[in-house]
Protein backbone atom coordinates (compact mmCIF):
# COMPACT_ATOMS: atom_id res chain seq x y z
CA MET A 1 3.59 -5.79 -24.11
CA ALA A 2 5.46 -7.39 -22.27
CA ASN A 3 4.91 -7.18 -18.03
CA PRO A 4 7.53 -5.33 -16.49
CA ALA A 5 10.76 -7.27 -15.81
CA PRO A 6 10.83 -9.41 -12.73
CA ALA A 7 11.40 -8.46 -9.25
CA GLU A 8 14.26 -9.94 -8.80
CA THR A 9 16.36 -8.07 -11.66
CA ILE A 10 15.30 -5.28 -9.85
CA ALA A 11 17.15 -4.27 -6.97
CA LEU A 12 16.36 -1.37 -4.99
CA ASP A 13 18.93 0.96 -3.10
CA PRO A 14 19.65 0.17 0.39
CA GLY A 15 17.54 3.08 1.45
CA THR A 16 15.06 3.08 -0.60
CA LEU A 17 12.06 1.63 1.56
CA GLU A 18 13.47 3.88 4.49
CA LYS A 19 13.03 7.42 2.65
CA LEU A 20 9.49 6.01 1.60
CA ARG A 21 8.71 5.34 5.42
CA GLN A 22 8.92 8.73 5.41
CA ALA A 23 6.84 10.03 2.41
CA SER A 24 2.95 10.63 2.30
CA THR A 25 0.53 8.45 0.19
CA ALA A 26 -0.08 12.11 -1.40
CA THR A 27 3.05 13.18 -2.15
CA VAL A 28 3.63 9.78 -4.28
CA ALA A 29 0.84 9.84 -6.03
CA THR A 30 1.85 13.07 -7.30
CA LEU A 31 5.15 11.75 -8.06
CA LEU A 32 3.25 8.77 -10.02
CA TYR A 33 1.49 11.09 -11.46
CA LYS A 34 4.28 13.55 -13.32
CA ARG A 35 5.54 10.39 -14.81
CA GLY A 36 2.09 9.09 -16.06
CA TYR A 37 0.61 6.95 -13.48
CA MET A 38 -2.85 8.10 -13.19
CA ASN A 39 -4.34 4.81 -11.51
CA ALA A 40 -2.06 3.80 -8.54
CA TYR A 41 -4.32 4.50 -5.37
CA ILE A 42 -5.89 1.18 -4.46
CA GLN A 43 -9.73 2.09 -4.18
CA GLY A 44 -11.99 0.84 -1.54
CA ALA A 45 -8.53 -0.36 1.03
CA MET A 46 -8.62 1.67 3.97
CA PRO A 47 -7.26 1.63 7.44
CA LEU A 48 -8.68 -0.84 9.62
CA ALA A 49 -7.59 1.36 12.49
CA PRO A 50 -6.11 4.95 12.64
CA GLY A 51 -3.41 5.46 13.79
CA LYS A 52 -0.21 2.81 12.48
CA PRO A 53 2.77 3.43 11.19
CA THR A 54 3.27 3.97 7.44
CA MET A 55 3.28 0.48 5.63
CA VAL A 56 5.93 0.06 3.27
CA GLY A 57 6.92 -2.96 1.45
CA PRO A 58 7.08 -5.16 -1.84
CA ALA A 59 4.07 -6.81 -2.75
CA PHE A 60 3.14 -10.55 -2.02
CA THR A 61 0.09 -11.17 -4.30
CA LEU A 62 -2.77 -13.50 -3.76
CA ARG A 63 -6.15 -13.19 -6.63
CA TYR A 64 -9.43 -15.06 -5.50
CA ILE A 65 -12.23 -15.48 -8.65
CA PRO A 66 -15.56 -16.12 -7.63
CA ALA A 67 -16.45 -18.99 -5.50
CA ARG A 68 -18.77 -21.90 -6.62
CA PRO A 69 -20.38 -24.48 -4.24
CA ASP A 70 -18.26 -27.46 -5.69
CA THR A 71 -14.77 -25.49 -5.34
CA ASP A 72 -15.08 -24.16 -1.81
CA PRO A 73 -16.96 -26.30 0.70
CA ILE A 74 -16.30 -25.13 4.19
CA GLU A 75 -13.69 -28.55 4.07
CA ALA A 76 -12.10 -26.73 1.58
CA PHE A 77 -10.11 -25.03 4.48
CA ARG A 78 -8.40 -29.09 5.05
CA GLU A 79 -6.69 -28.91 2.24
CA ARG A 80 -2.78 -28.45 3.11
CA ASP A 81 -1.77 -26.65 -0.36
CA HIS A 82 -5.18 -24.25 0.19
CA PRO A 83 -3.78 -20.78 -1.63
CA GLN A 84 -5.24 -18.57 1.18
CA ARG A 85 -3.21 -20.63 4.07
CA LEU A 86 -0.12 -21.12 1.52
CA ALA A 87 0.23 -17.52 1.00
CA VAL A 88 -0.32 -16.93 4.99
CA GLU A 89 2.92 -19.29 5.39
CA GLN A 90 5.47 -17.82 2.08
CA CYS A 91 4.83 -14.34 2.53
CA PRO A 92 8.37 -12.98 3.15
CA GLU A 93 9.11 -10.68 6.36
CA GLY A 94 9.23 -7.45 5.44
CA ALA A 95 6.53 -7.59 2.32
CA VAL A 96 2.75 -6.60 2.38
CA LEU A 97 0.23 -9.55 1.63
CA VAL A 98 -1.89 -7.84 -1.12
CA MET A 99 -6.03 -9.59 -1.99
CA ASP A 100 -7.18 -8.84 -5.08
CA CYS A 101 -11.27 -9.82 -4.37
CA ARG A 102 -12.12 -7.68 -7.56
CA GLY A 103 -13.73 -4.88 -5.19
CA ASP A 104 -16.44 -7.39 -3.69
CA ALA A 105 -16.16 -6.83 0.24
CA SER A 106 -19.40 -8.80 0.81
CA ALA A 107 -17.29 -11.64 2.29
CA ALA A 108 -13.72 -11.82 4.07
CA SER A 109 -10.40 -12.28 2.39
CA ALA A 110 -9.01 -13.04 5.80
CA GLY A 111 -9.74 -12.89 9.39
CA SER A 112 -7.78 -11.87 12.35
CA ILE A 113 -5.69 -15.36 13.08
CA LEU A 114 -4.42 -15.30 9.68
CA LEU A 115 -3.55 -11.75 9.92
CA THR A 116 -1.96 -12.15 13.22
CA ARG A 117 0.02 -15.08 11.55
CA LEU A 118 1.51 -12.76 9.12
CA GLU A 119 2.41 -9.90 11.60
CA MET A 120 3.84 -13.16 14.15
CA ARG A 121 5.85 -13.75 10.55
CA GLY A 122 7.14 -10.24 10.12
CA CYS A 123 5.34 -8.84 7.21
CA ALA A 124 4.92 -5.31 6.79
CA GLY A 125 1.11 -5.26 6.24
CA VAL A 126 -2.20 -6.30 4.25
CA VAL A 127 -3.87 -4.49 1.37
CA THR A 128 -7.11 -6.29 0.04
CA ASP A 129 -10.05 -4.89 -1.56
CA GLY A 130 -12.33 -7.31 -0.18
CA GLY A 131 -13.76 -7.56 3.53
CA VAL A 132 -11.58 -8.37 6.75
CA ARG A 133 -13.85 -10.66 9.49
CA ASP A 134 -12.76 -10.34 12.96
CA ALA A 135 -12.21 -6.98 12.22
CA GLU A 136 -11.74 -5.55 15.71
CA GLY A 137 -8.95 -8.14 16.30
CA ALA A 138 -7.21 -7.27 12.93
CA ALA A 139 -7.28 -3.52 14.09
CA ALA A 140 -5.44 -4.14 17.44
CA LEU A 141 -2.62 -5.98 15.44
CA ALA A 142 0.73 -3.52 15.77
CA MET A 143 0.73 -4.66 11.51
CA PRO A 144 -1.23 -2.41 9.06
CA VAL A 145 -4.30 -3.78 7.58
CA TYR A 146 -6.22 -1.85 4.68
CA ALA A 147 -9.31 -3.34 3.63
CA GLY A 148 -12.86 -2.46 2.19
CA LYS A 149 -14.73 -3.26 5.50
CA PRO A 150 -15.40 -5.29 8.20
CA SER A 151 -17.27 -8.56 6.72
CA ALA A 152 -18.35 -11.45 9.05
CA PRO A 153 -18.66 -13.98 5.99
CA THR A 154 -16.12 -16.50 5.53
CA ASN A 155 -13.82 -15.88 2.05
CA LEU A 156 -15.16 -19.28 0.95
CA THR A 157 -18.91 -18.00 0.61
CA LYS A 158 -17.18 -15.68 -2.17
CA HIS A 159 -14.34 -15.56 -3.10
CA HIS A 160 -12.33 -18.93 -4.57
CA ALA A 161 -8.76 -18.65 -3.69
CA VAL A 162 -6.40 -19.46 -7.29
CA ASP A 163 -3.26 -17.73 -8.07
CA ILE A 164 0.00 -16.60 -5.91
CA GLY A 165 2.61 -14.52 -7.06
CA LEU A 166 1.27 -13.47 -10.12
CA PRO A 167 0.28 -9.84 -11.45
CA ILE A 168 -3.08 -8.60 -10.10
CA ALA A 169 -5.79 -6.01 -9.81
CA CYS A 170 -6.13 -4.87 -6.40
CA GLY A 171 -8.68 -1.94 -5.89
CA GLU A 172 -8.51 -1.01 -9.60
CA VAL A 173 -4.74 -0.98 -9.71
CA ALA A 174 -2.28 -3.26 -11.88
CA VAL A 175 -0.19 -4.87 -8.69
CA TYR A 176 2.95 -6.89 -10.06
CA PRO A 177 5.18 -8.90 -7.67
CA GLY A 178 7.32 -6.66 -6.03
CA ASP A 179 5.87 -3.26 -6.47
CA ILE A 180 6.13 -1.28 -3.39
CA LEU A 181 2.97 -0.36 -1.64
CA LEU A 182 2.95 2.70 1.01
CA GLY A 183 0.05 2.93 3.18
CA ASP A 184 -1.12 5.79 5.52
CA GLY A 185 -4.06 7.20 6.75
CA ASP A 186 -5.15 8.06 3.14
CA GLY A 187 -4.84 4.23 1.71
CA VAL A 188 -2.64 2.81 -0.39
CA MET A 189 -0.33 3.53 -3.00
CA VAL A 190 1.06 1.27 -5.63
CA ILE A 191 4.74 2.39 -6.95
CA PRO A 192 6.15 0.28 -9.89
CA ARG A 193 9.37 -0.92 -8.45
CA HIS A 194 11.44 0.19 -11.66
CA LEU A 195 10.32 4.12 -10.33
CA ALA A 196 10.45 3.18 -6.29
CA ASP A 197 14.54 4.54 -6.13
CA GLU A 198 13.49 7.51 -8.28
CA VAL A 199 10.41 8.07 -6.49
CA ALA A 200 11.80 7.34 -2.79
CA ALA A 201 14.46 10.18 -3.88
CA GLU A 202 12.29 12.75 -4.99
CA ALA A 203 9.97 12.63 -1.96
CA LEU A 204 11.93 13.50 0.89
CA PRO A 205 13.01 17.16 -0.71
CA MET A 206 8.77 17.73 -1.51
CA GLU A 207 7.51 16.62 2.04
CA GLU A 208 10.35 19.26 3.02
CA PHE A 209 9.04 22.01 0.58
CA GLU A 210 5.24 21.37 1.73
CA SER A 211 6.18 22.22 5.45
CA PHE A 212 7.52 25.18 4.35
CA VAL A 213 4.68 26.34 2.03
CA LEU A 214 2.46 25.17 5.40
CA GLU A 215 4.05 27.62 7.68
CA GLN A 216 3.94 30.16 4.64
CA VAL A 217 0.18 29.53 4.44
CA ARG A 218 -0.29 29.55 8.52
CA ALA A 219 2.07 32.82 8.60
CA GLY A 220 -0.61 34.53 6.08
CA HIS A 221 0.81 34.08 2.52
CA PRO A 222 -1.36 33.90 -0.30
CA ILE A 223 -1.19 30.71 -2.05
CA ILE A 224 -0.84 32.29 -6.01
CA GLY A 225 3.32 32.13 -6.70
CA LEU A 226 4.27 30.16 -3.47
CA TYR A 227 2.36 26.64 -4.26
CA PRO A 228 3.42 25.91 -6.71
CA PRO A 229 6.98 28.28 -6.04
CA THR A 230 6.56 30.47 -9.33
CA ASP A 231 7.33 33.79 -7.43
CA PRO A 232 11.37 33.88 -7.51
CA GLU A 233 11.19 35.63 -4.22
CA VAL A 234 9.45 32.29 -2.83
CA GLN A 235 12.52 30.20 -3.32
CA GLU A 236 14.84 32.85 -1.63
CA ARG A 237 12.24 32.61 1.67
CA TYR A 238 12.71 28.81 1.35
CA LYS A 239 16.57 28.90 1.18
CA THR A 240 16.56 31.19 4.27
CA TRP A 241 13.84 28.61 6.27
CA GLN A 242 16.27 25.60 5.25
CA ALA A 243 19.37 27.08 6.43
CA THR A 244 17.67 28.29 9.43
CA ARG A 245 16.60 24.76 10.11
CA ALA A 246 19.85 23.47 9.43
CA GLY A 247 21.57 25.60 12.02
């Protein structure tokens, strides 16, 4: 089967990314599940620091394979075309750098200096299933960083950077360049680019309904018939609730 259509052939509606910034990963996970996507949550990549804004942006990908002594001496960083360094300088403004480290967080995929450079270039965030070194400095950035764990060893000890801008696996999820990444306190979801507009359009109404449900639960209403709303009178209460908020 062919790969998804290239990202440059799939234009997003102007408001899609902003709508997704108001959505949660839990809501997006449910909406993707309804469409048959049951493996869209990146395993082993959690925020280095809580309280950051919701991360939303298209994926810019970097793939690592296992390192070897002949390919990854410390002198490798002197190479001006080193893929890790190039990825940091080429990741577009507003994009999310996504790194495939095969789920191995025993060494860093990047450190605070490179991550700071990404923030200064206006990137939307970083996601890696590997480690991050200088984690305290990385966590202090305004830009959200999602990683397997803090890890002091340099990437050269375990990871050999090979590909930029190609399909990768990150946290056991397929990520194609241009897919939309959404991250919050629960982790990171990968939204196939061709579904981003419709997922965004459905996310806010779903978030609103769940706000209503939460209020109803706090008011003592039972969950059966309320969530999902199988009782007709629930829909009537919801319409009244919406009208009250609108007024």
